[in-house]
Amino acid sequence: MKRFFLSFILIALVSLVSVSFKTPAYHTITVKVTNIRNSTGNIQLQIFRSAENYNKGLAWKIKTVDKSEMKNNTITCTFTGIESGEYGMALLDDENKNKEMDYTMLMPDEGFGFADYYHTSWSKPKYDSFKFSLKEDKAVTVKVRYV
């Protein structure tokens, strides 16, 4: 009886400890990029975890997709193993593959976009306009805008 009781206590303690060390949930983000004007260069997708990092240009993850995969001016790609949380996604159509937005007379020469948000203003959008909560696998659309 003593052995049974000690075994029961040990199993209960192990169960409590394992519950307190919850493993995070991981998800997939499927990104559909539309309205791409040509097959020159790359699409650069950047994921941000906060408004502060977005404002500083500090992406948490960056994925570059060659536009040779484009069909009907659209590319689909995925990010896997993303933990639950709040994220924002921005896109650069990097036509010359220099990994930065090019400008002529303060106007962008290359396309840009944001997850589930089409930005029409002349100023940089606020993070709150395109952030999303990731609690399960998610699909987002980024429509590229050219000025």
C-alpha atoms as a PDB file:
ATOM      1  CA  MET A   1       0.000   0.000   0.000  1.00  0.00           C
ATOM      2  CA  LYS A   2       2.857   2.325   0.851  1.00  0.00           C
ATOM      3  CA  ARG A   3       4.439   1.634  -2.534  1.00  0.00           C
ATOM      4  CA  PHE A   4       1.157   2.343  -4.353  1.00  0.00           C
ATOM      5  CA  PHE A   5       0.733   5.638  -2.494  1.00  0.00           C
ATOM      6  CA  LEU A   6       4.324   6.765  -3.280  1.00  0.00           C
ATOM      7  CA  SER A   7       3.898   5.804  -6.947  1.00  0.00           C
ATOM      8  CA  PHE A   8       0.668   7.783  -7.104  1.00  0.00           C
ATOM      9  CA  ILE A   9       2.348  10.869  -5.559  1.00  0.00           C
ATOM     10  CA  LEU A  10       5.289  10.582  -7.972  1.00  0.00           C
ATOM     11  CA  ILE A  11       3.004  10.353 -11.029  1.00  0.00           C
ATOM     12  CA  ALA A  12       0.971  13.344  -9.813  1.00  0.00           C
ATOM     13  CA  LEU A  13       4.120  15.464  -9.346  1.00  0.00           C
ATOM     14  CA  VAL A  14       5.463  14.557 -12.788  1.00  0.00           C
ATOM     15  CA  SER A  15       2.090  15.473 -14.331  1.00  0.00           C
ATOM     16  CA  LEU A  16       2.037  18.853 -12.568  1.00  0.00           C
ATOM     17  CA  VAL A  17       5.583  19.668 -13.638  1.00  0.00           C
ATOM     18  CA  SER A  18       4.905  18.735 -17.282  1.00  0.00           C
ATOM     19  CA  VAL A  19       1.746  20.895 -17.357  1.00  0.00           C
ATOM     20  CA  SER A  20       3.660  23.930 -16.077  1.00  0.00           C
ATOM     21  CA  PHE A  21       6.197  23.610 -18.926  1.00  0.00           C
ATOM     22  CA  LYS A  22       3.713  23.959 -21.751  1.00  0.00           C
ATOM     23  CA  THR A  23       5.214  23.640 -25.199  1.00  0.00           C
ATOM     24  CA  PRO A  24       4.327  26.529 -27.485  1.00  0.00           C
ATOM     25  CA  ALA A  25       1.972  26.016 -30.402  1.00  0.00           C
ATOM     26  CA  TYR A  26       3.507  26.387 -33.869  1.00  0.00           C
ATOM     27  CA  HIS A  27       1.623  27.376 -36.987  1.00  0.00           C
ATOM     28  CA  THR A  28       1.970  27.917 -40.716  1.00  0.00           C
ATOM     29  CA  ILE A  29       1.336  31.213 -42.486  1.00  0.00           C
ATOM     30  CA  THR A  30       0.425  30.807 -46.158  1.00  0.00           C
ATOM     31  CA  VAL A  31       1.040  33.999 -48.110  1.00  0.00           C
ATOM     32  CA  LYS A  32      -0.612  34.700 -51.461  1.00  0.00           C
ATOM     33  CA  VAL A  33       1.097  37.609 -53.253  1.00  0.00           C
ATOM     34  CA  THR A  34      -0.972  39.149 -56.061  1.00  0.00           C
ATOM     35  CA  ASN A  35      -0.652  41.978 -58.608  1.00  0.00           C
ATOM     36  CA  ILE A  36       3.058  41.388 -59.362  1.00  0.00           C
ATOM     37  CA  ARG A  37       3.888  43.444 -62.457  1.00  0.00           C
ATOM     38  CA  ASN A  38       6.821  41.446 -63.891  1.00  0.00           C
ATOM     39  CA  SER A  39       9.073  38.424 -63.383  1.00  0.00           C
ATOM     40  CA  THR A  40      12.270  40.427 -62.789  1.00  0.00           C
ATOM     41  CA  GLY A  41      13.954  40.116 -59.381  1.00  0.00           C
ATOM     42  CA  ASN A  42      12.637  38.715 -56.084  1.00  0.00           C
ATOM     43  CA  ILE A  43       9.767  39.115 -53.685  1.00  0.00           C
ATOM     44  CA  GLN A  44      11.027  39.847 -50.178  1.00  0.00           C
ATOM     45  CA  LEU A  45       8.601  39.104 -47.326  1.00  0.00           C
ATOM     46  CA  GLN A  46       9.356  40.462 -43.867  1.00  0.00           C
ATOM     47  CA  ILE A  47       7.623  39.437 -40.636  1.00  0.00           C
ATOM     48  CA  PHE A  48       7.616  41.874 -37.724  1.00  0.00           C
ATOM     49  CA  ARG A  49       6.698  41.088 -34.105  1.00  0.00           C
ATOM     50  CA  SER A  50       5.991  44.625 -32.890  1.00  0.00           C
ATOM     51  CA  ALA A  51       5.297  48.186 -34.016  1.00  0.00           C
ATOM     52  CA  GLU A  52       8.617  49.256 -32.507  1.00  0.00           C
ATOM     53  CA  ASN A  53      10.601  46.794 -34.636  1.00  0.00           C
ATOM     54  CA  TYR A  54       8.570  47.669 -37.742  1.00  0.00           C
ATOM     55  CA  ASN A  55       9.302  51.379 -37.232  1.00  0.00           C
ATOM     56  CA  LYS A  56      13.019  50.574 -36.877  1.00  0.00           C
ATOM     57  CA  GLY A  57      12.978  48.249 -39.915  1.00  0.00           C
ATOM     58  CA  LEU A  58      14.025  45.248 -37.812  1.00  0.00           C
ATOM     59  CA  ALA A  59      12.269  42.254 -39.322  1.00  0.00           C
ATOM     60  CA  TRP A  60      12.018  39.112 -37.188  1.00  0.00           C
ATOM     61  CA  LYS A  61      12.038  36.812 -40.249  1.00  0.00           C
ATOM     62  CA  ILE A  62      12.773  37.524 -43.910  1.00  0.00           C
ATOM     63  CA  LYS A  63      11.966  35.215 -46.792  1.00  0.00           C
ATOM     64  CA  THR A  64      13.086  35.881 -50.365  1.00  0.00           C
ATOM     65  CA  VAL A  65      11.134  34.226 -53.165  1.00  0.00           C
ATOM     66  CA  ASP A  66      12.387  34.132 -56.740  1.00  0.00           C
ATOM     67  CA  LYS A  67       9.720  35.415 -59.118  1.00  0.00           C
ATOM     68  CA  SER A  68      10.379  32.543 -61.528  1.00  0.00           C
ATOM     69  CA  GLU A  69       7.732  30.680 -59.457  1.00  0.00           C
ATOM     70  CA  MET A  70       5.103  33.277 -60.466  1.00  0.00           C
ATOM     71  CA  LYS A  71       1.930  32.206 -62.291  1.00  0.00           C
ATOM     72  CA  ASN A  72      -0.714  34.731 -63.424  1.00  0.00           C
ATOM     73  CA  ASN A  73       1.106  37.543 -61.584  1.00  0.00           C
ATOM     74  CA  THR A  74       0.739  35.585 -58.304  1.00  0.00           C
ATOM     75  CA  ILE A  75       3.119  33.731 -55.988  1.00  0.00           C
ATOM     76  CA  THR A  76       2.206  31.596 -52.976  1.00  0.00           C
ATOM     77  CA  CYS A  77       4.699  30.732 -50.248  1.00  0.00           C
ATOM     78  CA  THR A  78       4.634  29.567 -46.635  1.00  0.00           C
ATOM     79  CA  PHE A  79       6.294  30.283 -43.327  1.00  0.00           C
ATOM     80  CA  THR A  80       6.288  27.225 -41.055  1.00  0.00           C
ATOM     81  CA  GLY A  81       7.039  26.776 -37.356  1.00  0.00           C
ATOM     82  CA  ILE A  82       5.718  30.197 -36.328  1.00  0.00           C
ATOM     83  CA  GLU A  83       4.755  30.478 -32.661  1.00  0.00           C
ATOM     84  CA  SER A  84       1.372  31.904 -31.618  1.00  0.00           C
ATOM     85  CA  GLY A  85       1.439  35.688 -31.217  1.00  0.00           C
ATOM     86  CA  GLU A  86       0.958  39.025 -32.920  1.00  0.00           C
ATOM     87  CA  TYR A  87       2.699  39.657 -36.243  1.00  0.00           C
ATOM     88  CA  GLY A  88       2.776  42.077 -39.140  1.00  0.00           C
ATOM     89  CA  MET A  89       3.966  41.273 -42.656  1.00  0.00           C
ATOM     90  CA  ALA A  90       5.414  43.651 -45.237  1.00  0.00           C
ATOM     91  CA  LEU A  91       6.561  42.974 -48.792  1.00  0.00           C
ATOM     92  CA  LEU A  92       9.069  44.477 -51.197  1.00  0.00           C
ATOM     93  CA  ASP A  93       9.059  43.633 -54.911  1.00  0.00           C
ATOM     94  CA  ASP A  94      12.850  43.839 -55.190  1.00  0.00           C
ATOM     95  CA  GLU A  95      13.146  44.026 -58.961  1.00  0.00           C
ATOM     96  CA  ASN A  96      16.909  44.662 -58.988  1.00  0.00           C
ATOM     97  CA  LYS A  97      17.722  42.256 -56.107  1.00  0.00           C
ATOM     98  CA  ASN A  98      19.542  44.880 -54.011  1.00  0.00           C
ATOM     99  CA  LYS A  99      17.438  44.064 -50.886  1.00  0.00           C
ATOM    100  CA  GLU A 100      16.138  47.624 -50.414  1.00  0.00           C
ATOM    101  CA  MET A 101      13.447  49.917 -51.777  1.00  0.00           C
ATOM    102  CA  ASP A 102      14.664  52.167 -54.594  1.00  0.00           C
ATOM    103  CA  TYR A 103      13.315  55.709 -55.029  1.00  0.00           C
ATOM    104  CA  THR A 104      13.198  58.384 -57.715  1.00  0.00           C
ATOM    105  CA  MET A 105      12.339  61.886 -56.489  1.00  0.00           C
ATOM    106  CA  LEU A 106      11.038  60.464 -53.178  1.00  0.00           C
ATOM    107  CA  MET A 107       8.684  58.048 -54.984  1.00  0.00           C
ATOM    108  CA  PRO A 108       9.197  54.267 -54.708  1.00  0.00           C
ATOM    109  CA  ASP A 109      10.346  52.616 -57.938  1.00  0.00           C
ATOM    110  CA  GLU A 110       9.488  49.116 -56.723  1.00  0.00           C
ATOM    111  CA  GLY A 111       6.318  47.526 -55.418  1.00  0.00           C
ATOM    112  CA  PHE A 112       5.346  47.103 -51.782  1.00  0.00           C
ATOM    113  CA  GLY A 113       2.511  45.560 -49.825  1.00  0.00           C
ATOM    114  CA  PHE A 114       1.196  44.452 -46.457  1.00  0.00           C
ATOM    115  CA  ALA A 115      -0.680  41.412 -45.139  1.00  0.00           C
ATOM    116  CA  ASP A 116      -4.441  41.743 -45.747  1.00  0.00           C
ATOM    117  CA  TYR A 117      -4.083  45.524 -46.139  1.00  0.00           C
ATOM    118  CA  TYR A 118      -3.813  47.579 -49.336  1.00  0.00           C
ATOM    119  CA  HIS A 119      -2.041  50.835 -48.499  1.00  0.00           C
ATOM    120  CA  THR A 120      -3.134  53.818 -50.620  1.00  0.00           C
ATOM    121  CA  SER A 121      -1.697  56.715 -48.610  1.00  0.00           C
ATOM    122  CA  TRP A 122       1.597  58.467 -49.363  1.00  0.00           C
ATOM    123  CA  SER A 123       2.963  57.923 -45.849  1.00  0.00           C
ATOM    124  CA  LYS A 124       4.303  54.743 -44.296  1.00  0.00           C
ATOM    125  CA  PRO A 125       1.394  52.705 -42.875  1.00  0.00           C
ATOM    126  CA  LYS A 126       0.916  52.132 -39.172  1.00  0.00           C
ATOM    127  CA  TYR A 127       1.706  48.648 -37.872  1.00  0.00           C
ATOM    128  CA  ASP A 128      -1.833  48.396 -36.459  1.00  0.00           C
ATOM    129  CA  SER A 129      -3.220  48.573 -40.024  1.00  0.00           C
ATOM    130  CA  PHE A 130      -1.727  45.233 -41.069  1.00  0.00           C
ATOM    131  CA  LYS A 131      -0.947  43.313 -37.872  1.00  0.00           C
ATOM    132  CA  PHE A 132      -2.701  40.024 -37.196  1.00  0.00           C
ATOM    133  CA  SER A 133      -3.045  37.539 -34.383  1.00  0.00           C
ATOM    134  CA  LEU A 134      -1.735  34.051 -35.051  1.00  0.00           C
ATOM    135  CA  LYS A 135      -3.531  31.377 -33.005  1.00  0.00           C
ATOM    136  CA  GLU A 136      -3.819  28.700 -35.703  1.00  0.00           C
ATOM    137  CA  ASP A 137      -2.634  28.182 -39.277  1.00  0.00           C
ATOM    138  CA  LYS A 138      -3.427  31.336 -41.241  1.00  0.00           C
ATOM    139  CA  ALA A 139      -3.662  32.474 -44.863  1.00  0.00           C
ATOM    140  CA  VAL A 140      -2.964  36.113 -45.757  1.00  0.00           C
ATOM    141  CA  THR A 141      -3.033  37.985 -49.056  1.00  0.00           C
ATOM    142  CA  VAL A 142      -0.599  40.724 -50.017  1.00  0.00           C
ATOM    143  CA  LYS A 143      -1.599  42.820 -53.021  1.00  0.00           C
ATOM    144  CA  VAL A 144       1.481  44.570 -54.402  1.00  0.00           C
ATOM    145  CA  ARG A 145       1.147  48.301 -55.029  1.00  0.00           C
ATOM    146  CA  TYR A 146       3.257  50.262 -57.509  1.00  0.00           C
ATOM    147  CA  VAL A 147       3.335  54.057 -57.519  1.00  0.00           C
END
